[in-house]
Amino acid sequence: GMSASNPRRPNNWNLLVALLGFVVYYNLITLSQSWV
């Protein structure tokens, strides 16, 4: 779902946003460990 992009745009920020989402998700996994 996050790979969608507009081919008319010269810059593609999707990969950067996806990497940021990965970092957030991975931190949530670590947080779930501390919660339990």
PDB file of all heavy atoms in Angstrom:
ATOM      1  N   GLY A   1       0.800  -1.224   0.000  1.00  0.00           N
ATOM      2  CA  GLY A   1       0.000   0.000   0.000  1.00  0.00           C
ATOM      3  C   GLY A   1       0.827   1.264   0.000  1.00  0.00           C
ATOM      4  O   GLY A   1       0.404   2.278  -0.570  1.00  0.00           O
ATOM      5  N   MET A   2       1.995   1.245   0.615  1.00  0.00           N
ATOM      6  CA  MET A   2       2.826   2.454   0.701  1.00  0.00           C
ATOM      7  C   MET A   2       3.688   2.677  -0.528  1.00  0.00           C
ATOM      8  O   MET A   2       4.388   3.696  -0.616  1.00  0.00           O
ATOM      9  CB  MET A   2       3.734   2.361   1.938  1.00  0.00           C
ATOM     10  CG  MET A   2       2.977   2.309   3.252  1.00  0.00           C
ATOM     11  SD  MET A   2       4.057   2.091   4.685  1.00  0.00           S
ATOM     12  CE  MET A   2       4.917   3.662   4.671  1.00  0.00           C
ATOM     13  N   SER A   3       3.671   1.776  -1.470  1.00  0.00           N
ATOM     14  CA  SER A   3       4.520   1.921  -2.665  1.00  0.00           C
ATOM     15  C   SER A   3       3.916   2.822  -3.724  1.00  0.00           C
ATOM     16  O   SER A   3       4.596   3.164  -4.697  1.00  0.00           O
ATOM     17  CB  SER A   3       4.791   0.541  -3.273  1.00  0.00           C
ATOM     18  OG  SER A   3       3.576  -0.077  -3.669  1.00  0.00           O
ATOM     19  N   ALA A   4       2.650   3.195  -3.575  1.00  0.00           N
ATOM     20  CA  ALA A   4       1.991   4.006  -4.608  1.00  0.00           C
ATOM     21  C   ALA A   4       2.653   5.374  -4.713  1.00  0.00           C
ATOM     22  O   ALA A   4       2.985   6.001  -3.712  1.00  0.00           O
ATOM     23  CB  ALA A   4       0.510   4.158  -4.278  1.00  0.00           C
ATOM     24  N   SER A   5       2.870   5.820  -5.936  1.00  0.00           N
ATOM     25  CA  SER A   5       3.488   7.117  -6.181  1.00  0.00           C
ATOM     26  C   SER A   5       2.957   7.686  -7.489  1.00  0.00           C
ATOM     27  O   SER A   5       2.407   6.964  -8.327  1.00  0.00           O
ATOM     28  CB  SER A   5       5.016   7.003  -6.241  1.00  0.00           C
ATOM     29  OG  SER A   5       5.413   6.166  -7.316  1.00  0.00           O
ATOM     30  N   ASN A   6       3.143   8.979  -7.647  1.00  0.00           N
ATOM     31  CA  ASN A   6       2.708   9.678  -8.858  1.00  0.00           C
ATOM     32  C   ASN A   6       3.869   9.714  -9.846  1.00  0.00           C
ATOM     33  O   ASN A   6       4.911  10.298  -9.562  1.00  0.00           O
ATOM     34  CB  ASN A   6       2.257  11.093  -8.514  1.00  0.00           C
ATOM     35  CG  ASN A   6       1.563  11.781  -9.682  1.00  0.00           C
ATOM     36  OD1 ASN A   6       1.612  11.308 -10.812  1.00  0.00           O
ATOM     37  ND2 ASN A   6       0.913  12.895  -9.395  1.00  0.00           N
ATOM     38  N   PRO A   7       3.736   9.088 -11.012  1.00  0.00           N
ATOM     39  CA  PRO A   7       4.861   9.075 -11.966  1.00  0.00           C
ATOM     40  C   PRO A   7       5.205  10.455 -12.513  1.00  0.00           C
ATOM     41  O   PRO A   7       6.287  10.631 -13.086  1.00  0.00           O
ATOM     42  CB  PRO A   7       4.363   8.151 -13.089  1.00  0.00           C
ATOM     43  CG  PRO A   7       2.883   8.179 -12.978  1.00  0.00           C
ATOM     44  CD  PRO A   7       2.569   8.350 -11.528  1.00  0.00           C
ATOM     45  N   ARG A   8       4.333  11.437 -12.341  1.00  0.00           N
ATOM     46  CA  ARG A   8       4.610  12.783 -12.849  1.00  0.00           C
ATOM     47  C   ARG A   8       5.495  13.584 -11.918  1.00  0.00           C
ATOM     48  O   ARG A   8       5.999  14.636 -12.315  1.00  0.00           O
ATOM     49  CB  ARG A   8       3.290  13.525 -13.067  1.00  0.00           C
ATOM     50  CG  ARG A   8       2.405  12.875 -14.124  1.00  0.00           C
ATOM     51  CD  ARG A   8       1.120  13.660 -14.319  1.00  0.00           C
ATOM     52  NE  ARG A   8       0.264  13.033 -15.337  1.00  0.00           N
ATOM     53  CZ  ARG A   8      -0.921  13.511 -15.707  1.00  0.00           C
ATOM     54  NH1 ARG A   8      -1.402  14.620 -15.130  1.00  0.00           N
ATOM     55  NH2 ARG A   8      -1.631  12.888 -16.623  1.00  0.00           N
ATOM     56  N   ARG A   9       5.656  13.120 -10.690  1.00  0.00           N
ATOM     57  CA  ARG A   9       6.497  13.841  -9.753  1.00  0.00           C
ATOM     58  C   ARG A   9       7.955  13.450  -9.945  1.00  0.00           C
ATOM     59  O   ARG A   9       8.283  12.267 -10.041  1.00  0.00           O
ATOM     60  CB  ARG A   9       6.076  13.533  -8.316  1.00  0.00           C
ATOM     61  CG  ARG A   9       4.691  14.085  -7.962  1.00  0.00           C
ATOM     62  CD  ARG A   9       4.353  13.762  -6.525  1.00  0.00           C
ATOM     63  NE  ARG A   9       3.025  14.251  -6.171  1.00  0.00           N
ATOM     64  CZ  ARG A   9       2.455  14.069  -4.986  1.00  0.00           C
ATOM     65  NH1 ARG A   9       3.106  13.374  -4.044  1.00  0.00           N
ATOM     66  NH2 ARG A   9       1.251  14.538  -4.739  1.00  0.00           N
ATOM     67  N   PRO A  10       8.862  14.438  -9.983  1.00  0.00           N
ATOM     68  CA  PRO A  10      10.276  14.093 -10.198  1.00  0.00           C
ATOM     69  C   PRO A  10      10.905  13.398  -8.994  1.00  0.00           C
ATOM     70  O   PRO A  10      11.846  12.634  -9.146  1.00  0.00           O
ATOM     71  CB  PRO A  10      10.936  15.455 -10.453  1.00  0.00           C
ATOM     72  CG  PRO A  10      10.029  16.452  -9.778  1.00  0.00           C
ATOM     73  CD  PRO A  10       8.645  15.892  -9.902  1.00  0.00           C
ATOM     74  N   ASN A  11      10.399  13.682  -7.800  1.00  0.00           N
ATOM     75  CA  ASN A  11      10.965  13.096  -6.583  1.00  0.00           C
ATOM     76  C   ASN A  11      10.003  12.070  -6.003  1.00  0.00           C
ATOM     77  O   ASN A  11       8.786  12.267  -6.018  1.00  0.00           O
ATOM     78  CB  ASN A  11      11.246  14.183  -5.537  1.00  0.00           C
ATOM     79  CG  ASN A  11      12.306  15.165  -6.005  1.00  0.00           C
ATOM     80  OD1 ASN A  11      13.236  14.778  -6.700  1.00  0.00           O
ATOM     81  ND2 ASN A  11      12.148  16.429  -5.644  1.00  0.00           N
ATOM     82  N   ASN A  12      10.567  11.002  -5.482  1.00  0.00           N
ATOM     83  CA  ASN A  12       9.762   9.944  -4.887  1.00  0.00           C
ATOM     84  C   ASN A  12      10.169   9.793  -3.416  1.00  0.00           C
ATOM     85  O   ASN A  12      11.272   9.361  -3.103  1.00  0.00           O
ATOM     86  CB  ASN A  12       9.987   8.623  -5.631  1.00  0.00           C
ATOM     87  CG  ASN A  12       9.082   7.522  -5.106  1.00  0.00           C
ATOM     88  OD1 ASN A  12       8.110   7.791  -4.410  1.00  0.00           O
ATOM     89  ND2 ASN A  12       9.405   6.296  -5.445  1.00  0.00           N
ATOM     90  N   TRP A  13       9.251  10.190  -2.537  1.00  0.00           N
ATOM     91  CA  TRP A  13       9.511  10.144  -1.109  1.00  0.00           C
ATOM     92  C   TRP A  13       8.937   8.888  -0.466  1.00  0.00           C
ATOM     93  O   TRP A  13       8.964   8.757   0.764  1.00  0.00           O
ATOM     94  CB  TRP A  13       8.913  11.379  -0.428  1.00  0.00           C
ATOM     95  CG  TRP A  13       9.565  12.654  -0.862  1.00  0.00           C
ATOM     96  CD1 TRP A  13       9.163  13.477  -1.867  1.00  0.00           C
ATOM     97  CD2 TRP A  13      10.750  13.244  -0.316  1.00  0.00           C
ATOM     98  NE1 TRP A  13      10.013  14.545  -1.988  1.00  0.00           N
ATOM     99  CE2 TRP A  13      10.996  14.433  -1.040  1.00  0.00           C
ATOM    100  CE3 TRP A  13      11.619  12.886   0.715  1.00  0.00           C
ATOM    101  CZ2 TRP A  13      12.074  15.262  -0.763  1.00  0.00           C
ATOM    102  CZ3 TRP A  13      12.695  13.712   0.999  1.00  0.00           C
ATOM    103  CH2 TRP A  13      12.912  14.879   0.268  1.00  0.00           C
ATOM    104  N   ASN A  14       8.414   7.997  -1.260  1.00  0.00           N
ATOM    105  CA  ASN A  14       7.746   6.830  -0.686  1.00  0.00           C
ATOM    106  C   ASN A  14       8.704   5.945   0.108  1.00  0.00           C
ATOM    107  O   ASN A  14       8.348   5.440   1.175  1.00  0.00           O
ATOM    108  CB  ASN A  14       7.088   5.997  -1.791  1.00  0.00           C
ATOM    109  CG  ASN A  14       5.859   6.688  -2.342  1.00  0.00           C
ATOM    110  OD1 ASN A  14       5.759   7.908  -2.319  1.00  0.00           O
ATOM    111  ND2 ASN A  14       4.902   5.918  -2.829  1.00  0.00           N
ATOM    112  N   LEU A  15       9.901   5.753  -0.424  1.00  0.00           N
ATOM    113  CA  LEU A  15      10.851   4.880   0.258  1.00  0.00           C
ATOM    114  C   LEU A  15      11.280   5.479   1.590  1.00  0.00           C
ATOM    115  O   LEU A  15      11.418   4.757   2.592  1.00  0.00           O
ATOM    116  CB  LEU A  15      12.067   4.637  -0.635  1.00  0.00           C
ATOM    117  CG  LEU A  15      13.102   3.642  -0.098  1.00  0.00           C
ATOM    118  CD1 LEU A  15      12.463   2.287   0.166  1.00  0.00           C
ATOM    119  CD2 LEU A  15      14.262   3.499  -1.076  1.00  0.00           C
ATOM    120  N   LEU A  16      11.474   6.799   1.623  1.00  0.00           N
ATOM    121  CA  LEU A  16      11.854   7.447   2.873  1.00  0.00           C
ATOM    122  C   LEU A  16      10.738   7.340   3.905  1.00  0.00           C
ATOM    123  O   LEU A  16      10.987   7.049   5.085  1.00  0.00           O
ATOM    124  CB  LEU A  16      12.201   8.909   2.613  1.00  0.00           C
ATOM    125  CG  LEU A  16      12.682   9.714   3.823  1.00  0.00           C
ATOM    126  CD1 LEU A  16      13.950   9.101   4.400  1.00  0.00           C
ATOM    127  CD2 LEU A  16      12.918  11.175   3.429  1.00  0.00           C
ATOM    128  N   VAL A  17       9.505   7.553   3.474  1.00  0.00           N
ATOM    129  CA  VAL A  17       8.363   7.416   4.383  1.00  0.00           C
ATOM    130  C   VAL A  17       8.229   5.969   4.852  1.00  0.00           C
ATOM    131  O   VAL A  17       7.909   5.697   6.018  1.00  0.00           O
ATOM    132  CB  VAL A  17       7.077   7.905   3.690  1.00  0.00           C
ATOM    133  CG1 VAL A  17       5.856   7.630   4.566  1.00  0.00           C
ATOM    134  CG2 VAL A  17       7.177   9.385   3.369  1.00  0.00           C
ATOM    135  N   ALA A  18       8.476   5.015   3.943  1.00  0.00           N
ATOM    136  CA  ALA A  18       8.391   3.601   4.308  1.00  0.00           C
ATOM    137  C   ALA A  18       9.450   3.239   5.349  1.00  0.00           C
ATOM    138  O   ALA A  18       9.173   2.497   6.307  1.00  0.00           O
ATOM    139  CB  ALA A  18       8.541   2.730   3.070  1.00  0.00           C
ATOM    140  N   LEU A  19      10.664   3.745   5.203  1.00  0.00           N
ATOM    141  CA  LEU A  19      11.716   3.477   6.189  1.00  0.00           C
ATOM    142  C   LEU A  19      11.364   4.076   7.548  1.00  0.00           C
ATOM    143  O   LEU A  19      11.615   3.464   8.590  1.00  0.00           O
ATOM    144  CB  LEU A  19      13.049   4.030   5.689  1.00  0.00           C
ATOM    145  CG  LEU A  19      13.670   3.315   4.484  1.00  0.00           C
ATOM    146  CD1 LEU A  19      14.942   4.033   4.047  1.00  0.00           C
ATOM    147  CD2 LEU A  19      13.967   1.866   4.811  1.00  0.00           C
ATOM    148  N   LEU A  20      10.773   5.264   7.520  1.00  0.00           N
ATOM    149  CA  LEU A  20      10.330   5.864   8.776  1.00  0.00           C
ATOM    150  C   LEU A  20       9.236   5.013   9.430  1.00  0.00           C
ATOM    151  O   LEU A  20       9.228   4.819  10.652  1.00  0.00           O
ATOM    152  CB  LEU A  20       9.823   7.284   8.521  1.00  0.00           C
ATOM    153  CG  LEU A  20       9.309   8.052   9.742  1.00  0.00           C
ATOM    154  CD1 LEU A  20      10.419   8.230  10.764  1.00  0.00           C
ATOM    155  CD2 LEU A  20       8.755   9.424   9.323  1.00  0.00           C
ATOM    156  N   GLY A  21       8.314   4.500   8.611  1.00  0.00           N
ATOM    157  CA  GLY A  21       7.285   3.612   9.145  1.00  0.00           C
ATOM    158  C   GLY A  21       7.867   2.335   9.725  1.00  0.00           C
ATOM    159  O   GLY A  21       7.369   1.829  10.740  1.00  0.00           O
ATOM    160  N   PHE A  22       8.917   1.804   9.098  1.00  0.00           N
ATOM    161  CA  PHE A  22       9.564   0.595   9.631  1.00  0.00           C
ATOM    162  C   PHE A  22      10.170   0.867  10.998  1.00  0.00           C
ATOM    163  O   PHE A  22      10.052   0.043  11.922  1.00  0.00           O
ATOM    164  CB  PHE A  22      10.640   0.112   8.653  1.00  0.00           C
ATOM    165  CG  PHE A  22      11.435  -1.064   9.165  1.00  0.00           C
ATOM    166  CD1 PHE A  22      10.958  -2.347   9.014  1.00  0.00           C
ATOM    167  CD2 PHE A  22      12.649  -0.870   9.807  1.00  0.00           C
ATOM    168  CE1 PHE A  22      11.682  -3.434   9.490  1.00  0.00           C
ATOM    169  CE2 PHE A  22      13.380  -1.950  10.283  1.00  0.00           C
ATOM    170  CZ  PHE A  22      12.892  -3.235  10.123  1.00  0.00           C
ATOM    171  N   VAL A  23      10.828   2.017  11.142  1.00  0.00           N
ATOM    172  CA  VAL A  23      11.442   2.358  12.428  1.00  0.00           C
ATOM    173  C   VAL A  23      10.374   2.488  13.513  1.00  0.00           C
ATOM    174  O   VAL A  23      10.544   1.996  14.638  1.00  0.00           O
ATOM    175  CB  VAL A  23      12.261   3.658  12.289  1.00  0.00           C
ATOM    176  CG1 VAL A  23      12.758   4.129  13.648  1.00  0.00           C
ATOM    177  CG2 VAL A  23      13.441   3.449  11.351  1.00  0.00           C
ATOM    178  N   VAL A  24       9.261   3.136  13.181  1.00  0.00           N
ATOM    179  CA  VAL A  24       8.180   3.294  14.157  1.00  0.00           C
ATOM    180  C   VAL A  24       7.610   1.929  14.543  1.00  0.00           C
ATOM    181  O   VAL A  24       7.375   1.643  15.728  1.00  0.00           O
ATOM    182  CB  VAL A  24       7.094   4.217  13.589  1.00  0.00           C
ATOM    183  CG1 VAL A  24       5.875   4.244  14.511  1.00  0.00           C
ATOM    184  CG2 VAL A  24       7.626   5.626  13.391  1.00  0.00           C
ATOM    185  N   TYR A  25       7.379   1.077  13.558  1.00  0.00           N
ATOM    186  CA  TYR A  25       6.813  -0.237  13.829  1.00  0.00           C
ATOM    187  C   TYR A  25       7.765  -1.086  14.668  1.00  0.00           C
ATOM    188  O   TYR A  25       7.345  -1.775  15.614  1.00  0.00           O
ATOM    189  CB  TYR A  25       6.487  -0.925  12.509  1.00  0.00           C
ATOM    190  CG  TYR A  25       5.617  -2.155  12.634  1.00  0.00           C
ATOM    191  CD1 TYR A  25       4.949  -2.450  13.814  1.00  0.00           C
ATOM    192  CD2 TYR A  25       5.456  -3.027  11.567  1.00  0.00           C
ATOM    193  CE1 TYR A  25       4.145  -3.572  13.929  1.00  0.00           C
ATOM    194  CE2 TYR A  25       4.641  -4.154  11.665  1.00  0.00           C
ATOM    195  CZ  TYR A  25       4.004  -4.415  12.857  1.00  0.00           C
ATOM    196  OH  TYR A  25       3.211  -5.527  12.978  1.00  0.00           O
ATOM    197  N   TYR A  26       9.032  -1.057  14.352  1.00  0.00           N
ATOM    198  CA  TYR A  26      10.011  -1.837  15.113  1.00  0.00           C
ATOM    199  C   TYR A  26      10.093  -1.344  16.555  1.00  0.00           C
ATOM    200  O   TYR A  26      10.219  -2.144  17.494  1.00  0.00           O
ATOM    201  CB  TYR A  26      11.382  -1.744  14.443  1.00  0.00           C
ATOM    202  CG  TYR A  26      12.421  -2.659  15.051  1.00  0.00           C
ATOM    203  CD1 TYR A  26      12.481  -4.005  14.717  1.00  0.00           C
ATOM    204  CD2 TYR A  26      13.347  -2.167  15.974  1.00  0.00           C
ATOM    205  CE1 TYR A  26      13.431  -4.840  15.285  1.00  0.00           C
ATOM    206  CE2 TYR A  26      14.297  -2.998  16.539  1.00  0.00           C
ATOM    207  CZ  TYR A  26      14.334  -4.338  16.190  1.00  0.00           C
ATOM    208  OH  TYR A  26      15.266  -5.156  16.763  1.00  0.00           O
ATOM    209  N   ASN A  27      10.021  -0.018  16.754  1.00  0.00           N
ATOM    210  CA  ASN A  27      10.027   0.514  18.116  1.00  0.00           C
ATOM    211  C   ASN A  27       8.770   0.102  18.877  1.00  0.00           C
ATOM    212  O   ASN A  27       8.813  -0.111  20.103  1.00  0.00           O
ATOM    213  CB  ASN A  27      10.160   2.029  18.091  1.00  0.00           C
ATOM    214  CG  ASN A  27      11.550   2.483  17.697  1.00  0.00           C
ATOM    215  OD1 ASN A  27      12.529   1.785  17.912  1.00  0.00           O
ATOM    216  ND2 ASN A  27      11.649   3.656  17.093  1.00  0.00           N
ATOM    217  N   LEU A  28       7.644   0.008  18.183  1.00  0.00           N
ATOM    218  CA  LEU A  28       6.423  -0.456  18.832  1.00  0.00           C
ATOM    219  C   LEU A  28       6.554  -1.910  19.274  1.00  0.00           C
ATOM    220  O   LEU A  28       6.035  -2.299  20.328  1.00  0.00           O
ATOM    221  CB  LEU A  28       5.227  -0.291  17.888  1.00  0.00           C
ATOM    222  CG  LEU A  28       4.739   1.141  17.663  1.00  0.00           C
ATOM    223  CD1 LEU A  28       3.612   1.162  16.636  1.00  0.00           C
ATOM    224  CD2 LEU A  28       4.263   1.761  18.971  1.00  0.00           C
ATOM    225  N   ILE A  29       7.234  -2.727  18.479  1.00  0.00           N
ATOM    226  CA  ILE A  29       7.478  -4.120  18.881  1.00  0.00           C
ATOM    227  C   ILE A  29       8.324  -4.167  20.155  1.00  0.00           C
ATOM    228  O   ILE A  29       8.052  -4.949  21.076  1.00  0.00           O
ATOM    229  CB  ILE A  29       8.158  -4.894  17.739  1.00  0.00           C
ATOM    230  CG1 ILE A  29       7.227  -4.982  16.522  1.00  0.00           C
ATOM    231  CG2 ILE A  29       8.564  -6.283  18.191  1.00  0.00           C
ATOM    232  CD1 ILE A  29       7.853  -5.640  15.314  1.00  0.00           C
ATOM    233  N   THR A  30       9.345  -3.310  20.221  1.00  0.00           N
ATOM    234  CA  THR A  30      10.169  -3.249  21.430  1.00  0.00           C
ATOM    235  C   THR A  30       9.368  -2.728  22.616  1.00  0.00           C
ATOM    236  O   THR A  30       9.527  -3.200  23.752  1.00  0.00           O
ATOM    237  CB  THR A  30      11.392  -2.365  21.175  1.00  0.00           C
ATOM    238  OG1 THR A  30      12.091  -2.830  20.014  1.00  0.00           O
ATOM    239  CG2 THR A  30      12.346  -2.408  22.358  1.00  0.00           C
ATOM    240  N   LEU A  31       8.499  -1.751  22.368  1.00  0.00           N
ATOM    241  CA  LEU A  31       7.659  -1.228  23.440  1.00  0.00           C
ATOM    242  C   LEU A  31       6.692  -2.289  23.964  1.00  0.00           C
ATOM    243  O   LEU A  31       6.432  -2.364  25.166  1.00  0.00           O
ATOM    244  CB  LEU A  31       6.882  -0.012  22.947  1.00  0.00           C
ATOM    245  CG  LEU A  31       7.630   1.324  22.927  1.00  0.00           C
ATOM    246  CD1 LEU A  31       6.750   2.407  22.337  1.00  0.00           C
ATOM    247  CD2 LEU A  31       8.082   1.712  24.325  1.00  0.00           C
ATOM    248  N   SER A  32       6.164  -3.096  23.065  1.00  0.00           N
ATOM    249  CA  SER A  32       5.260  -4.167  23.510  1.00  0.00           C
ATOM    250  C   SER A  32       5.981  -5.144  24.431  1.00  0.00           C
ATOM    251  O   SER A  32       5.384  -5.673  25.372  1.00  0.00           O
ATOM    252  CB  SER A  32       4.677  -4.890  22.293  1.00  0.00           C
ATOM    253  OG  SER A  32       5.688  -5.582  21.572  1.00  0.00           O
ATOM    254  N   GLN A  33       7.261  -5.375  24.169  1.00  0.00           N
ATOM    255  CA  GLN A  33       8.038  -6.241  25.061  1.00  0.00           C
ATOM    256  C   GLN A  33       8.143  -5.624  26.449  1.00  0.00           C
ATOM    257  O   GLN A  33       7.965  -6.314  27.464  1.00  0.00           O
ATOM    258  CB  GLN A  33       9.436  -6.461  24.483  1.00  0.00           C
ATOM    259  CG  GLN A  33      10.345  -7.289  25.371  1.00  0.00           C
ATOM    260  CD  GLN A  33      11.761  -7.380  24.832  1.00  0.00           C
ATOM    261  OE1 GLN A  33      12.113  -6.689  23.878  1.00  0.00           O
ATOM    262  NE2 GLN A  33      12.580  -8.213  25.446  1.00  0.00           N
ATOM    263  N   SER A  34       8.416  -4.320  26.516  1.00  0.00           N
ATOM    264  CA  SER A  34       8.520  -3.672  27.831  1.00  0.00           C
ATOM    265  C   SER A  34       7.171  -3.607  28.534  1.00  0.00           C
ATOM    266  O   SER A  34       7.105  -3.701  29.760  1.00  0.00           O
ATOM    267  CB  SER A  34       9.103  -2.267  27.660  1.00  0.00           C
ATOM    268  OG  SER A  34       8.243  -1.454  26.880  1.00  0.00           O
ATOM    269  N   TRP A  35       6.083  -3.457  27.774  1.00  0.00           N
ATOM    270  CA  TRP A  35       4.752  -3.436  28.390  1.00  0.00           C
ATOM    271  C   TRP A  35       4.447  -4.771  29.071  1.00  0.00           C
ATOM    272  O   TRP A  35       3.944  -4.808  30.190  1.00  0.00           O
ATOM    273  CB  TRP A  35       3.692  -3.137  27.339  1.00  0.00           C
ATOM    274  CG  TRP A  35       3.755  -1.751  26.784  1.00  0.00           C
ATOM    275  CD1 TRP A  35       4.333  -0.659  27.367  1.00  0.00           C
ATOM    276  CD2 TRP A  35       3.257  -1.310  25.520  1.00  0.00           C
ATOM    277  NE1 TRP A  35       4.223   0.437  26.542  1.00  0.00           N
ATOM    278  CE2 TRP A  35       3.570   0.072  25.410  1.00  0.00           C
ATOM    279  CE3 TRP A  35       2.578  -1.936  24.475  1.00  0.00           C
ATOM    280  CZ2 TRP A  35       3.219   0.821  24.296  1.00  0.00           C
ATOM    281  CZ3 TRP A  35       2.226  -1.191  23.365  1.00  0.00           C
ATOM    282  CH2 TRP A  35       2.543   0.173  23.285  1.00  0.00           C
ATOM    283  N   VAL A  36       4.747  -5.861  28.370  1.00  0.00           N
ATOM    284  CA  VAL A  36       4.472  -7.182  28.936  1.00  0.00           C
ATOM    285  C   VAL A  36       5.434  -7.477  30.080  1.00  0.00           C
ATOM    286  O   VAL A  36       5.037  -8.016  31.119  1.00  0.00           O
ATOM    287  CB  VAL A  36       4.562  -8.262  27.841  1.00  0.00           C
ATOM    288  CG1 VAL A  36       4.361  -9.647  28.434  1.00  0.00           C
ATOM    289  CG2 VAL A  36       3.526  -8.001  26.755  1.00  0.00           C
TER     290      VAL A  36
END
